């Protein structure tokens, strides 16, 4: 088993990573939460049906009393109304300040349950038990929580670090193909921003990864978590270094919002955002054509992406309203080479518009 420490200032915690870990979750949680009895597991129907019994059996064997609480599945339910509904259920079942919430699902569940934990009784503990590639290697680590507004993604949220993150790559075996691919784009993001060896794995072992080879998946998840842990440990609240994790997200979030969170999965939007950011870097002389080609080829080599059919001007407007825009200045994360990115601001509007419009052409090939 791999244990990765996220060394945030107030309370460091660990991400535990191993194939088959779910069946031992109770034993691990008994070590992490020695005096705890009641756990409230926030999940969605598909995850509960496939993996709920294995998790609850493990928890009960470790003398936990676990109550599963379902929320509706999908990005469209990542909203403040869901927080209120879940909080009412917690109160009805007697959850108090000593309760712990388990976020058992993908990125939406993790973000919603994390925000719920940060608000309920002014803050209770949360443990992340992610079940998608995206959540395992990215969303579950770092303490970001949030829900969407019509104006944009994650505009309401908090930083609320978990007590622990339990990652079992074996649960990815039942993940739908599109969801699986969507998460791999976030692993590629980690590779581009700071791990050339991970990028090389995608170039050399793509077939094994796409076939969900257990050892290959465990390795790319572990490498991605190591990278995110190092960044979060150095910059917990995104005041500097942590911004590099937003590579592909500036345009990606705007694409999600502009299409109503219905056309693109998060990882797919980030994939297009990474391609756009790479093309911007090339057009303003921040990277070279060989690097740009490698990044685009690696992304597009993981499978087809949904068509982009939005206006570059509308995306620019969305970006300007994003929470990452500060004092009216839009910051972009641009690649210089594989494994190295930089924060750039003051990009001319036409350059951004052109990069988005180019996505429309690429997506129709």
Protein backbone atom coordinates (compact mmCIF):
# COMPACT_ATOMS: atom_id res chain seq x y z
CA UNK A 1 0.00 0.00 0.00
CA UNK A 2 1.15 3.52 -0.82
CA UNK A 3 0.61 6.30 1.70
CA UNK A 4 1.01 9.88 0.46
CA UNK A 5 1.14 12.68 3.03
CA UNK A 6 -0.62 15.95 2.29
CA UNK A 7 1.30 18.23 4.65
CA UNK A 8 -1.14 21.10 5.12
CA UNK A 9 -0.43 23.35 8.08
CA UNK A 10 -3.28 22.75 10.52
CA UNK A 11 -3.72 18.98 10.20
CA UNK A 12 -1.69 16.86 7.78
CA UNK A 13 -3.45 13.78 6.43
CA UNK A 14 -2.74 10.85 4.18
CA UNK A 15 -4.03 9.40 0.95
CA UNK A 16 -3.98 5.59 1.10
CA UNK A 17 -3.75 3.91 -2.33
CA UNK A 18 -4.06 0.19 -3.09
CA UNK A 19 -6.03 -2.14 -5.33
CA UNK A 20 -8.66 -3.85 -3.17
CA UNK A 21 -8.51 -1.25 -0.41
CA UNK A 22 -12.31 -0.86 -0.22
CA UNK A 23 -12.71 -4.21 1.52
CA UNK A 24 -10.34 -2.99 4.26
CA UNK A 25 -11.76 0.54 4.55
CA UNK A 26 -13.28 -0.14 7.96
CA UNK A 27 -10.00 -1.35 9.43
CA UNK A 28 -8.16 1.70 8.09
CA UNK A 29 -10.84 4.10 9.31
CA UNK A 30 -10.75 2.52 12.77
CA UNK A 31 -7.06 3.50 12.84
CA UNK A 32 -7.78 7.02 11.53
CA UNK A 33 -10.92 7.61 13.63
CA UNK A 34 -10.27 5.58 16.79
CA UNK A 35 -13.17 6.90 18.87
CA UNK A 36 -15.76 7.27 16.13
CA UNK A 37 -18.94 5.20 15.98
CA UNK A 38 -21.35 6.81 13.49
CA UNK A 39 -20.54 7.49 9.86
CA UNK A 40 -22.80 9.17 7.33
CA UNK A 41 -21.97 8.01 3.81
CA UNK A 42 -23.00 10.45 1.06
CA UNK A 43 -23.21 8.68 -2.28
CA UNK A 44 -25.21 8.28 -5.50
CA UNK A 45 -27.32 5.38 -6.73
CA UNK A 46 -24.89 3.87 -9.27
CA UNK A 47 -22.04 3.78 -6.74
CA UNK A 48 -24.24 2.39 -3.97
CA UNK A 49 -25.53 -0.41 -6.19
CA UNK A 50 -22.06 -1.47 -7.38
CA UNK A 51 -19.90 -0.94 -4.30
CA UNK A 52 -22.11 0.05 -1.37
CA UNK A 53 -22.40 -3.45 0.10
CA UNK A 54 -18.63 -3.98 0.09
CA UNK A 55 -18.02 -0.67 1.86
CA UNK A 56 -20.75 -1.08 4.47
CA UNK A 57 -19.68 -4.66 5.23
CA UNK A 58 -16.15 -3.41 5.85
CA UNK A 59 -17.40 -0.59 8.08
CA UNK A 60 -19.69 -2.84 10.10
CA UNK A 61 -16.90 -5.37 10.62
CA UNK A 62 -14.87 -2.54 12.19
CA UNK A 63 -17.77 -1.70 14.56
CA UNK A 64 -18.98 1.42 12.73
CA UNK A 65 -22.66 2.26 12.38
CA UNK A 66 -22.94 3.58 8.83
CA UNK A 67 -25.95 5.29 7.28
CA UNK A 68 -25.98 5.69 3.48
CA UNK A 69 -27.56 8.93 2.25
CA UNK A 70 -28.14 9.24 -1.49
CA UNK A 71 -28.04 12.43 -3.52
CA UNK A 72 -29.09 12.70 -7.18
CA UNK A 73 -26.36 11.79 -9.65
CA UNK A 74 -24.76 14.26 -12.06
CA UNK A 75 -23.17 17.70 -12.37
CA UNK A 76 -26.56 19.40 -12.62
CA UNK A 77 -27.17 18.47 -8.96
CA UNK A 78 -23.96 20.13 -7.80
CA UNK A 79 -25.86 23.08 -6.35
CA UNK A 80 -26.73 24.69 -3.05
CA UNK A 81 -30.15 23.02 -2.94
CA UNK A 82 -28.44 19.63 -2.66
CA UNK A 83 -26.47 20.84 0.37
CA UNK A 84 -29.69 21.89 2.11
CA UNK A 85 -31.41 18.58 1.34
CA UNK A 86 -28.48 16.53 2.61
CA UNK A 87 -28.14 18.67 5.75
CA UNK A 88 -31.82 18.12 6.54
CA UNK A 89 -31.28 14.36 6.27
CA UNK A 90 -28.26 14.55 8.59
CA UNK A 91 -30.30 16.44 11.16
CA UNK A 92 -33.22 14.00 10.88
CA UNK A 93 -30.89 11.10 11.64
CA UNK A 94 -29.25 12.80 14.60
CA UNK A 95 -25.88 13.76 13.16
CA UNK A 96 -23.95 15.95 15.62
CA UNK A 97 -20.60 17.71 15.85
CA UNK A 98 -18.79 14.43 16.45
CA UNK A 99 -20.16 12.81 13.29
CA UNK A 100 -18.02 12.04 10.26
CA UNK A 101 -19.18 12.23 6.65
CA UNK A 102 -17.80 9.81 4.05
CA UNK A 103 -17.86 11.13 0.50
CA UNK A 104 -18.32 7.93 -1.50
CA UNK A 105 -18.45 8.70 -5.21
CA UNK A 106 -16.97 10.86 -7.94
CA UNK A 107 -15.96 14.49 -8.05
CA UNK A 108 -19.49 15.85 -7.63
CA UNK A 109 -20.09 13.76 -4.51
CA UNK A 110 -16.70 14.75 -3.13
CA UNK A 111 -17.27 18.46 -3.69
CA UNK A 112 -20.84 18.44 -2.36
CA UNK A 113 -20.14 16.21 0.66
CA UNK A 114 -17.02 18.22 1.45
CA UNK A 115 -18.95 21.49 1.40
CA UNK A 116 -21.69 19.88 3.48
CA UNK A 117 -19.11 18.79 6.06
CA UNK A 118 -17.60 22.26 6.21
CA UNK A 119 -21.00 23.84 6.95
CA UNK A 120 -22.92 21.31 9.05
CA UNK A 121 -22.68 22.23 12.75
CA UNK A 122 -20.06 24.78 11.57
CA UNK A 123 -17.79 21.96 10.48
CA UNK A 124 -17.52 18.19 10.90
CA UNK A 125 -14.93 15.71 9.67
CA UNK A 126 -15.03 14.30 6.16
CA UNK A 127 -13.23 11.30 4.65
CA UNK A 128 -12.98 11.07 0.89
CA UNK A 129 -13.54 7.64 -0.69
CA UNK A 130 -13.38 8.47 -4.41
CA UNK A 131 -14.72 6.07 -7.05
CA UNK A 132 -13.76 7.73 -10.36
CA UNK A 133 -10.38 8.35 -11.96
CA UNK A 134 -10.92 12.10 -11.75
CA UNK A 135 -11.82 12.02 -8.08
CA UNK A 136 -9.07 9.57 -7.12
CA UNK A 137 -6.17 11.41 -8.63
CA UNK A 138 -7.35 15.00 -8.28
CA UNK A 139 -10.64 16.10 -6.73
CA UNK A 140 -10.40 14.15 -3.47
CA UNK A 141 -7.01 15.63 -2.51
CA UNK A 142 -6.53 19.23 -1.45
CA UNK A 143 -9.64 20.22 0.47
CA UNK A 144 -11.47 22.18 -2.22
CA UNK A 145 -15.24 21.96 -1.97
CA UNK A 146 -17.89 23.73 -3.99
CA UNK A 147 -21.15 23.93 -5.87
CA UNK A 148 -22.03 25.64 -9.13
CA UNK A 149 -24.09 28.70 -9.93
CA UNK A 150 -25.70 29.48 -13.27
CA UNK A 151 -22.97 32.11 -13.66
CA UNK A 152 -20.15 29.58 -13.39
CA UNK A 153 -18.56 26.52 -11.87
CA UNK A 154 -17.62 26.21 -8.18
CA UNK A 155 -18.49 29.83 -7.39
CA UNK A 156 -19.69 28.80 -3.90
CA UNK A 157 -17.24 26.78 -1.85
CA UNK A 158 -14.79 26.41 0.99
CA UNK A 159 -11.44 24.85 1.79
CA UNK A 160 -12.14 21.91 4.11
CA UNK A 161 -9.38 19.32 4.26
CA UNK A 162 -10.42 15.68 4.77
CA UNK A 163 -9.22 13.49 7.62
CA UNK A 164 -8.05 10.96 5.06
CA UNK A 165 -8.44 9.86 1.43
CA UNK A 166 -8.98 6.14 0.71
CA UNK A 167 -8.28 5.25 -2.92
CA UNK A 168 -9.05 1.83 -4.40
CA UNK A 169 -8.23 1.76 -8.14
CA UNK A 170 -10.03 -1.61 -8.40
CA UNK A 171 -13.42 0.16 -8.32
CA UNK A 172 -12.58 1.74 -11.67
CA UNK A 173 -13.30 -1.61 -13.33
CA UNK A 174 -17.02 -0.79 -13.38
CA UNK A 175 -16.65 2.86 -14.40
CA UNK A 176 -18.38 3.68 -17.73
CA UNK A 177 -15.93 4.12 -20.58
CA UNK A 178 -16.60 7.81 -21.07
CA UNK A 179 -16.16 8.56 -17.34
CA UNK A 180 -12.94 6.55 -17.33
CA UNK A 181 -11.44 8.48 -20.23
CA UNK A 182 -12.58 11.76 -18.72
CA UNK A 183 -10.51 11.13 -15.62
CA UNK A 184 -7.39 10.22 -17.58
CA UNK A 185 -7.23 13.77 -18.94
CA UNK A 186 -6.65 15.02 -15.39
CA UNK A 187 -3.75 12.59 -15.04
CA UNK A 188 -2.30 14.02 -18.23
CA UNK A 189 -2.72 17.47 -16.72
CA UNK A 190 -0.56 16.40 -13.77
CA UNK A 191 2.02 15.05 -16.20
CA UNK A 192 2.23 18.28 -18.19
CA UNK A 193 2.48 20.58 -15.19
CA UNK A 194 5.15 18.69 -13.31
CA UNK A 195 5.90 15.05 -14.11
CA UNK A 196 7.58 14.24 -17.46
CA UNK A 197 7.92 10.57 -16.43
CA UNK A 198 4.14 10.31 -16.01
CA UNK A 199 3.70 11.88 -19.44
CA UNK A 200 6.11 9.29 -20.84
CA UNK A 201 3.92 6.54 -19.32
CA UNK A 202 1.00 7.81 -21.37
CA UNK A 203 3.10 7.88 -24.52
CA UNK A 204 4.60 4.41 -24.02
CA UNK A 205 1.86 2.50 -22.16
CA UNK A 206 -1.33 4.03 -23.53
CA UNK A 207 -2.82 0.68 -24.53
CA UNK A 208 -2.34 -0.82 -21.07
CA UNK A 209 -3.83 2.25 -19.45
CA UNK A 210 -6.87 2.26 -21.74
CA UNK A 211 -7.40 -1.46 -21.03
CA UNK A 212 -7.45 -0.61 -17.30
CA UNK A 213 -4.42 -2.69 -16.41
CA UNK A 214 -4.53 -2.62 -12.57
CA UNK A 215 -0.81 -2.00 -12.06
CA UNK A 216 -0.71 0.76 -14.67
CA UNK A 217 -3.75 2.51 -13.18
CA UNK A 218 -2.41 2.28 -9.64
CA UNK A 219 0.86 3.81 -10.82
CA UNK A 220 -0.61 6.80 -12.68
CA UNK A 221 -3.01 7.51 -9.81
CA UNK A 222 -0.17 7.32 -7.28
CA UNK A 223 2.08 9.58 -9.36
CA UNK A 224 -0.74 12.11 -9.82
CA UNK A 225 -1.57 12.15 -6.11
CA UNK A 226 2.11 12.63 -5.24
CA UNK A 227 2.26 15.66 -7.54
CA UNK A 228 -0.94 17.20 -6.22
CA UNK A 229 0.12 16.56 -2.63
CA UNK A 230 3.40 18.38 -3.16
CA UNK A 231 1.65 21.39 -4.68
CA UNK A 232 -1.14 21.55 -2.07
CA UNK A 233 1.34 21.12 0.79
CA UNK A 234 3.26 24.16 -0.46
CA UNK A 235 0.19 26.30 -1.22
CA UNK A 236 -2.95 25.11 0.54
CA UNK A 237 -5.25 27.98 -0.46
CA UNK A 238 -4.16 28.75 -4.00
CA UNK A 239 -2.22 31.93 -3.33
CA UNK A 240 0.61 31.05 -5.69
CA UNK A 241 2.02 27.69 -6.76
CA UNK A 242 -1.32 25.83 -6.53
CA UNK A 243 -2.62 27.82 -9.49
CA UNK A 244 -0.61 25.56 -11.81
CA UNK A 245 -3.20 22.84 -11.08
CA UNK A 246 -5.64 24.96 -13.10
CA UNK A 247 -3.95 24.11 -16.39
CA UNK A 248 -6.83 23.56 -18.82
CA UNK A 249 -9.42 24.64 -16.28
CA UNK A 250 -9.73 28.33 -17.18
CA UNK A 251 -11.28 27.61 -20.56
CA UNK A 252 -12.54 24.19 -19.44
CA UNK A 253 -14.77 25.59 -16.70
CA UNK A 254 -16.13 28.19 -19.11
CA UNK A 255 -16.96 25.47 -21.65
CA UNK A 256 -18.85 23.51 -18.98
CA UNK A 257 -20.86 26.54 -17.87
CA UNK A 258 -21.63 27.72 -21.40
CA UNK A 259 -23.00 24.28 -22.33
CA UNK A 260 -25.10 24.01 -19.16
CA UNK A 261 -23.02 21.20 -17.62
CA UNK A 262 -24.79 18.74 -19.91
CA UNK A 263 -22.65 18.30 -23.02
CA UNK A 264 -19.15 17.86 -21.57
CA UNK A 265 -17.89 15.85 -18.65
CA UNK A 266 -15.46 17.79 -16.49
CA UNK A 267 -12.38 15.94 -17.73
CA UNK A 268 -13.48 16.39 -21.35
CA UNK A 269 -13.84 20.13 -20.84
CA UNK A 270 -10.39 20.23 -19.22
CA UNK A 271 -8.96 18.28 -22.16
CA UNK A 272 -10.23 20.89 -24.60
CA UNK A 273 -9.03 23.59 -22.21
CA UNK A 274 -5.52 22.10 -22.18
CA UNK A 275 -5.44 22.02 -25.97
CA UNK A 276 -6.60 25.64 -26.12
CA UNK A 277 -4.03 26.73 -23.52
CA UNK A 278 -1.30 24.90 -25.45
CA UNK A 279 -2.32 26.62 -28.68
CA UNK A 280 -2.29 29.97 -26.87
CA UNK A 281 1.20 29.22 -25.56
CA UNK A 282 2.34 28.42 -29.10
CA UNK A 283 0.76 31.55 -30.60
CA UNK A 284 2.40 33.89 -28.05
CA UNK A 285 5.79 32.19 -28.22
CA UNK A 286 5.75 30.52 -24.79
CA UNK A 287 6.28 27.02 -26.17
CA UNK A 288 7.45 25.35 -29.37
CA UNK A 289 5.58 23.34 -31.98
CA UNK A 290 7.13 20.01 -30.92
CA UNK A 291 5.93 20.41 -27.32
CA UNK A 292 2.51 21.61 -28.47
CA UNK A 293 2.21 18.63 -30.79
CA UNK A 294 3.16 16.12 -28.08
CA UNK A 295 0.58 17.52 -25.66
CA UNK A 296 -2.21 17.60 -28.23
CA UNK A 297 -1.37 14.11 -29.50
CA UNK A 298 -1.37 12.68 -25.98
CA UNK A 299 -4.78 14.20 -25.23
CA UNK A 300 -6.45 13.27 -28.50
CA UNK A 301 -4.85 9.81 -28.39
CA UNK A 302 -6.98 8.87 -25.39
CA UNK A 303 -10.15 8.89 -27.47
CA UNK A 304 -12.63 11.14 -29.20
CA UNK A 305 -13.90 14.23 -27.43
CA UNK A 306 -17.40 15.75 -27.75
CA UNK A 307 -17.85 18.47 -30.32
CA UNK A 308 -17.27 22.05 -29.23
CA UNK A 309 -19.90 24.34 -30.68
CA UNK A 310 -19.62 27.57 -28.72
CA UNK A 311 -18.49 31.09 -29.50
CA UNK A 312 -15.02 32.17 -28.49
CA UNK A 313 -16.42 35.55 -27.43
CA UNK A 314 -18.94 33.91 -25.09
CA UNK A 315 -16.21 31.78 -23.54
CA UNK A 316 -14.06 34.88 -22.98
CA UNK A 317 -16.99 36.52 -21.18
CA UNK A 318 -17.38 33.46 -18.98
CA UNK A 319 -13.67 33.46 -18.17
CA UNK A 320 -13.79 37.09 -17.10
CA UNK A 321 -16.50 36.19 -14.55
CA UNK A 322 -14.61 33.17 -13.20
CA UNK A 323 -13.55 33.10 -9.55
CA UNK A 324 -9.91 32.73 -10.62
CA UNK A 325 -10.00 36.17 -12.26
CA UNK A 326 -8.51 38.68 -9.84
CA UNK A 327 -8.92 42.45 -10.09
CA UNK A 328 -10.23 41.98 -13.59
CA UNK A 329 -7.08 40.15 -14.72
CA UNK A 330 -7.42 36.68 -16.24
CA UNK A 331 -4.58 34.30 -15.40
CA UNK A 332 -3.79 31.45 -17.77
CA UNK A 333 -1.59 28.45 -17.06
CA UNK A 334 0.49 27.86 -20.18
CA UNK A 335 2.94 25.03 -20.89
CA UNK A 336 6.55 25.84 -21.70
CA UNK A 337 7.60 22.20 -22.01
CA UNK A 338 6.32 18.88 -20.77
CA UNK A 339 6.67 19.06 -16.99
CA UNK A 340 6.86 22.84 -16.77
CA UNK A 341 4.11 25.47 -16.93
CA UNK A 342 3.85 29.14 -16.05
CA UNK A 343 1.18 31.62 -14.97
CA UNK A 344 0.58 34.26 -17.62
CA UNK A 345 -1.75 37.24 -17.54
CA UNK A 346 -2.53 40.11 -19.89
CA UNK A 347 -3.15 37.90 -22.93
CA UNK A 348 -4.88 39.77 -25.77
CA UNK A 349 -8.57 38.91 -26.06
CA UNK A 350 -8.30 37.96 -29.77
CA UNK A 351 -5.72 35.28 -28.92
CA UNK A 352 -8.10 33.63 -26.46
CA UNK A 353 -11.07 33.90 -28.81
CA UNK A 354 -9.07 32.40 -31.65
CA UNK A 355 -7.93 29.47 -29.49
CA UNK A 356 -11.53 28.61 -28.60
CA UNK A 357 -12.70 28.97 -32.17
CA UNK A 358 -9.92 26.59 -33.19
CA UNK A 359 -11.41 23.98 -30.84
CA UNK A 360 -14.58 24.03 -32.93
CA UNK A 361 -12.58 23.17 -36.03
CA UNK A 362 -10.59 20.43 -34.29
CA UNK A 363 -13.67 18.84 -32.78
CA UNK A 364 -15.31 18.43 -36.18
CA UNK A 365 -12.44 16.49 -37.74
